[in-house]
């Protein structure tokens, strides 16, 4: 029996008084002194709790800061019918945000909500968002894509986006294989999808941060937690393996309120039985 989504994440619990209540402001929490000075975590408002089939949430960085990581939480009362379709660090001249989109599978009539979080900081030296080429437009059941930080730059955050998935394609993995490479995967649902779709992968890169490390935990079942032994959680990644894990999808990538742990959850148990959590830890 899967019970982990029957409680709200501790960050969200501080925002919601009544389950399903609409939050009207974003919450920014200062992190302690660290190797990325001025870092804050921003939690977006939760969307309405209803049956809308596709939803978006945006965690907007405070003025003067850049998005350096992020993730989201899609809550469908453990139905396992909602999946991420977009996890994107986004930068334009006037705004930095972490954009999260999710969809419910066709036929699902339950209520659900979506929330995003972002890690923001005054621009770290050498910061840039790198973007892969989209995968070839395809109706393949499963695809993967990678992108690398250039030169000697280091990965701070990750993202991935599906285009034209028609609610029947979801992200199965979003995260790094190291502190320099992002590998994300996407899959069609159990019924398949006749349309052509693409997967694009993102990495937030910057000059090397002393002491940065990647904590990885693999756990049997649908939920995994990775704990930073040095530093605090800067971004969350993980999910399924590098290969097709069957019709199961990411629906939680979220840090604990004290930024010591990363939680990753999927809509069902991957075919090889393991869900992976990756915590990008910064002193």
Protein backbone atom coordinates (compact mmCIF):
# COMPACT_ATOMS: atom_id res chain seq x y z
CA UNK A 1 0.00 0.00 0.00
CA UNK A 2 1.42 3.40 -0.95
CA UNK A 3 0.86 5.98 1.77
CA UNK A 4 3.59 8.57 1.34
CA UNK A 5 1.40 11.08 -0.51
CA UNK A 6 -1.31 11.08 2.12
CA UNK A 7 0.62 13.68 4.06
CA UNK A 8 1.73 17.01 2.63
CA UNK A 9 5.43 17.79 2.31
CA UNK A 10 6.67 19.77 5.30
CA UNK A 11 7.29 22.86 3.20
CA UNK A 12 3.76 22.74 1.84
CA UNK A 13 2.24 22.06 5.24
CA UNK A 14 3.52 25.43 6.36
CA UNK A 15 1.64 27.05 3.51
CA UNK A 16 -1.70 25.26 3.58
CA UNK A 17 -4.08 25.41 6.51
CA UNK A 18 -6.83 23.40 4.89
CA UNK A 19 -6.16 20.67 2.32
CA UNK A 20 -6.85 22.00 -1.12
CA UNK A 21 -6.74 25.65 -0.05
CA UNK A 22 -5.43 28.08 -2.65
CA UNK A 23 -2.18 29.78 -1.69
CA UNK A 24 -1.96 33.31 -3.04
CA UNK A 25 1.68 34.20 -2.31
CA UNK A 26 5.01 32.53 -2.90
CA UNK A 27 7.23 31.59 0.02
CA UNK A 28 10.95 32.40 -0.09
CA UNK A 29 13.16 30.80 2.57
CA UNK A 30 16.73 31.96 3.15
CA UNK A 31 19.32 29.20 3.29
CA UNK A 32 22.20 29.37 5.74
CA UNK A 33 25.58 30.71 4.62
CA UNK A 34 26.85 28.47 1.86
CA UNK A 35 29.06 28.24 -1.21
CA UNK A 36 26.35 29.92 -3.31
CA UNK A 37 25.82 33.16 -1.32
CA UNK A 38 22.31 34.55 -1.01
CA UNK A 39 20.60 31.31 -2.02
CA UNK A 40 16.86 31.11 -1.33
CA UNK A 41 14.20 28.46 -1.90
CA UNK A 42 10.93 29.67 -3.41
CA UNK A 43 7.73 27.61 -3.19
CA UNK A 44 4.97 28.52 -5.64
CA UNK A 45 1.28 28.73 -4.85
CA UNK A 46 -0.49 25.41 -5.15
CA UNK A 47 -2.92 25.18 -8.03
CA UNK A 48 -6.59 24.62 -7.38
CA UNK A 49 -7.52 21.09 -6.32
CA UNK A 50 -9.85 19.99 -9.10
CA UNK A 51 -10.12 17.72 -12.14
CA UNK A 52 -8.50 20.05 -14.69
CA UNK A 53 -6.52 17.67 -16.93
CA UNK A 54 -3.37 19.79 -17.35
CA UNK A 55 -1.87 22.23 -14.85
CA UNK A 56 1.09 24.59 -14.59
CA UNK A 57 2.92 26.08 -11.61
CA UNK A 58 5.73 28.64 -11.58
CA UNK A 59 8.19 29.34 -8.78
CA UNK A 60 9.46 32.85 -9.54
CA UNK A 61 12.86 33.95 -8.27
CA UNK A 62 13.17 37.24 -6.34
CA UNK A 63 14.47 40.25 -8.25
CA UNK A 64 18.24 40.14 -8.68
CA UNK A 65 18.51 36.35 -8.49
CA UNK A 66 18.80 33.57 -11.05
CA UNK A 67 17.15 30.17 -11.05
CA UNK A 68 19.74 27.49 -10.32
CA UNK A 69 17.52 24.47 -9.61
CA UNK A 70 14.00 23.32 -8.88
CA UNK A 71 11.32 20.66 -9.02
CA UNK A 72 7.68 20.01 -8.24
CA UNK A 73 4.95 18.02 -6.48
CA UNK A 74 1.82 16.62 -8.15
CA UNK A 75 -0.72 15.24 -5.67
CA UNK A 76 -3.56 13.00 -6.86
CA UNK A 77 -4.37 11.25 -3.56
CA UNK A 78 -2.20 8.26 -4.46
CA UNK A 79 -4.20 7.44 -7.60
CA UNK A 80 -1.00 7.19 -9.66
CA UNK A 81 -2.65 8.91 -12.63
CA UNK A 82 -0.78 12.22 -12.78
CA UNK A 83 2.68 12.78 -14.25
CA UNK A 84 5.12 15.60 -14.93
CA UNK A 85 5.46 16.82 -18.51
CA UNK A 86 7.67 19.88 -17.90
CA UNK A 87 10.38 20.66 -15.35
CA UNK A 88 12.18 23.67 -16.77
CA UNK A 89 14.59 26.28 -15.40
CA UNK A 90 13.70 29.38 -17.41
CA UNK A 91 15.60 32.67 -17.79
CA UNK A 92 14.73 35.87 -19.64
CA UNK A 93 15.98 39.41 -19.00
CA UNK A 94 13.15 40.30 -16.62
CA UNK A 95 12.36 36.95 -14.97
CA UNK A 96 13.88 33.74 -13.69
CA UNK A 97 11.49 30.94 -12.83
CA UNK A 98 11.21 27.18 -12.50
CA UNK A 99 8.23 26.04 -14.57
CA UNK A 100 6.41 22.80 -13.80
CA UNK A 101 3.60 21.25 -15.82
CA UNK A 102 1.73 18.01 -15.25
CA UNK A 103 -1.14 16.10 -16.80
CA UNK A 104 -3.63 13.48 -15.72
CA UNK A 105 -4.04 10.37 -17.83
CA UNK A 106 -7.12 10.32 -20.09
CA UNK A 107 -10.08 8.88 -18.22
CA UNK A 108 -8.92 9.96 -14.76
CA UNK A 109 -11.66 11.95 -13.00
CA UNK A 110 -10.06 12.54 -9.60
CA UNK A 111 -9.08 15.92 -8.16
CA UNK A 112 -5.41 16.84 -7.93
CA UNK A 113 -3.07 19.78 -7.47
CA UNK A 114 0.40 20.86 -8.58
CA UNK A 115 3.16 22.91 -6.99
CA UNK A 116 6.64 24.08 -8.05
CA UNK A 117 9.74 25.11 -6.15
CA UNK A 118 12.89 26.94 -7.27
CA UNK A 119 16.35 27.43 -5.87
CA UNK A 120 17.44 31.01 -6.60
CA UNK A 121 20.67 32.94 -5.99
CA UNK A 122 22.55 36.02 -7.15
CA UNK A 123 24.10 34.89 -10.42
CA UNK A 124 26.86 32.35 -9.68
CA UNK A 125 30.02 32.86 -11.72
CA UNK A 126 29.65 31.40 -15.20
CA UNK A 127 25.97 30.53 -14.87
CA UNK A 128 24.19 29.38 -18.03
CA UNK A 129 21.25 27.16 -18.90
CA UNK A 130 22.22 24.54 -21.47
CA UNK A 131 19.57 22.90 -23.64
CA UNK A 132 19.75 19.67 -25.60
CA UNK A 133 18.40 19.31 -29.08
CA UNK A 134 14.91 17.80 -28.90
CA UNK A 135 14.80 14.10 -29.59
CA UNK A 136 13.57 13.20 -33.02
CA UNK A 137 9.80 13.57 -33.27
CA UNK A 138 8.66 10.04 -32.58
CA UNK A 139 5.87 7.75 -31.51
CA UNK A 140 8.37 5.45 -29.79
CA UNK A 141 7.30 4.03 -26.44
CA UNK A 142 10.43 5.24 -24.62
CA UNK A 143 13.15 7.82 -25.32
CA UNK A 144 16.11 9.31 -23.46
CA UNK A 145 18.21 12.44 -23.99
CA UNK A 146 21.33 14.00 -22.46
CA UNK A 147 23.01 17.38 -22.22
CA UNK A 148 26.43 18.28 -20.80
CA UNK A 149 27.82 21.32 -19.03
CA UNK A 150 30.47 22.93 -21.25
CA UNK A 151 34.17 23.03 -20.41
CA UNK A 152 34.90 22.65 -16.70
CA UNK A 153 31.50 23.90 -15.55
CA UNK A 154 29.48 22.01 -12.98
CA UNK A 155 25.82 21.04 -12.86
CA UNK A 156 23.65 22.91 -10.33
CA UNK A 157 20.15 21.99 -11.50
CA UNK A 158 18.31 19.97 -14.13
CA UNK A 159 15.11 19.90 -16.17
CA UNK A 160 13.24 18.21 -19.00
CA UNK A 161 10.21 18.92 -21.18
CA UNK A 162 7.89 16.86 -23.35
CA UNK A 163 6.19 18.51 -26.32
CA UNK A 164 3.02 17.19 -27.99
CA UNK A 165 2.57 14.28 -25.59
CA UNK A 166 -1.20 14.56 -25.51
CA UNK A 167 -1.45 13.70 -21.75
CA UNK A 168 -0.23 10.20 -22.63
CA UNK A 169 3.53 10.78 -22.30
CA UNK A 170 5.25 11.50 -19.00
CA UNK A 171 8.71 12.10 -17.60
CA UNK A 172 10.18 8.97 -16.09
CA UNK A 173 13.57 10.30 -15.02
CA UNK A 174 15.03 13.78 -14.54
CA UNK A 175 18.53 14.09 -13.17
CA UNK A 176 22.26 13.92 -13.59
CA UNK A 177 24.46 10.92 -14.19
CA UNK A 178 27.24 13.02 -12.64
CA UNK A 179 27.88 16.63 -11.66
CA UNK A 180 28.35 17.52 -15.33
CA UNK A 181 25.76 15.53 -17.36
CA UNK A 182 21.95 15.45 -17.33
CA UNK A 183 20.09 12.36 -18.52
CA UNK A 184 16.29 12.39 -18.66
CA UNK A 185 13.81 9.86 -19.98
CA UNK A 186 10.16 9.89 -21.04
CA UNK A 187 7.61 7.21 -21.84
CA UNK A 188 4.15 6.70 -23.25
CA UNK A 189 1.46 5.44 -20.89
CA UNK A 190 0.19 1.86 -20.76
CA UNK A 191 -2.21 2.43 -23.67
CA UNK A 192 0.46 3.91 -25.91
CA UNK A 193 0.20 7.10 -27.94
CA UNK A 194 -0.14 7.39 -31.71
CA UNK A 195 1.11 10.98 -31.96
CA UNK A 196 4.68 12.16 -32.46
CA UNK A 197 6.36 13.79 -29.46
CA UNK A 198 9.77 15.05 -28.38
CA UNK A 199 11.92 15.28 -25.23
CA UNK A 200 14.25 18.21 -24.45
CA UNK A 201 16.69 18.25 -21.53
CA UNK A 202 18.08 21.21 -19.55
CA UNK A 203 21.03 21.77 -17.25
CA UNK A 204 21.88 24.79 -15.10
CA UNK A 205 25.67 25.04 -15.19
CA UNK A 206 28.18 27.34 -13.50
CA UNK A 207 31.82 27.49 -12.51
CA UNK A 208 32.85 24.72 -10.12
CA UNK A 209 31.47 25.10 -6.58
CA UNK A 210 33.91 23.76 -3.95
CA UNK A 211 32.44 20.89 -1.96
CA UNK A 212 29.49 20.22 -4.27
CA UNK A 213 28.46 16.57 -4.28
CA UNK A 214 25.75 14.25 -5.51
CA UNK A 215 24.00 11.98 -2.98
CA UNK A 216 22.21 9.01 -4.58
CA UNK A 217 19.82 6.55 -2.91
CA UNK A 218 18.04 3.64 -4.60
CA UNK A 219 15.02 2.23 -2.76
CA UNK A 220 12.65 -0.62 -3.48
CA UNK A 221 9.18 0.68 -4.33
CA UNK A 222 7.77 4.01 -5.47
CA UNK A 223 9.48 6.48 -3.10
CA UNK A 224 13.10 7.28 -2.31
CA UNK A 225 14.91 9.80 -0.10
CA UNK A 226 18.49 11.00 -0.54
CA UNK A 227 20.23 12.78 2.35
CA UNK A 228 23.00 15.32 2.10
CA UNK A 229 25.83 14.43 4.49
CA UNK A 230 27.72 17.57 3.45
CA UNK A 231 25.82 20.72 2.55
CA UNK A 232 22.11 21.11 1.86
CA UNK A 233 19.82 20.08 -1.01
CA UNK A 234 20.26 22.43 -3.92
CA UNK A 235 18.17 20.52 -6.44
CA UNK A 236 16.41 17.15 -6.68
CA UNK A 237 16.66 14.54 -9.41
CA UNK A 238 16.10 10.85 -10.01
CA UNK A 239 13.15 8.59 -10.78
CA UNK A 240 13.45 5.55 -13.00
CA UNK A 241 16.58 3.94 -14.45
CA UNK A 242 18.32 4.83 -17.71
CA UNK A 243 16.18 2.20 -19.48
CA UNK A 244 12.41 1.75 -19.89
CA UNK A 245 10.86 1.09 -16.47
CA UNK A 246 7.33 0.41 -17.73
CA UNK A 247 4.34 2.79 -17.62
CA UNK A 248 5.27 4.62 -14.39
CA UNK A 249 6.11 8.32 -14.09
CA UNK A 250 7.62 11.00 -11.89
CA UNK A 251 5.20 12.99 -9.72
CA UNK A 252 7.38 14.23 -6.83
CA UNK A 253 10.78 15.95 -6.87
CA UNK A 254 10.89 18.01 -3.66
CA UNK A 255 13.30 18.89 -0.81
CA UNK A 256 12.48 18.68 2.88
CA UNK A 257 11.76 21.97 4.65
CA UNK A 258 15.24 22.05 6.19
CA UNK A 259 16.84 21.17 2.84
CA UNK A 260 18.60 18.12 4.26
CA UNK A 261 16.76 15.49 2.17
CA UNK A 262 15.46 15.07 -1.37
CA UNK A 263 12.22 13.15 -1.94
CA UNK A 264 11.46 11.48 -5.26
CA UNK A 265 8.27 9.54 -5.97
CA UNK A 266 6.70 7.83 -8.96
CA UNK A 267 3.17 6.89 -9.96
CA UNK A 268 4.00 3.21 -9.61
CA UNK A 269 6.92 0.87 -8.99
CA UNK A 270 9.45 0.73 -11.87
CA UNK A 271 9.76 -2.64 -13.58
CA UNK A 272 13.14 -3.32 -11.95
CA UNK A 273 11.62 -2.50 -8.54
CA UNK A 274 13.69 0.59 -7.66
CA UNK A 275 13.08 4.34 -7.43
CA UNK A 276 16.18 6.55 -7.29
CA UNK A 277 16.57 9.87 -5.43
CA UNK A 278 19.42 12.25 -6.27
CA UNK A 279 20.25 15.19 -4.01
CA UNK A 280 22.54 17.87 -5.43
CA UNK A 281 24.27 19.01 -2.25
CA UNK A 282 26.02 22.38 -1.87
CA UNK A 283 27.93 23.41 1.31
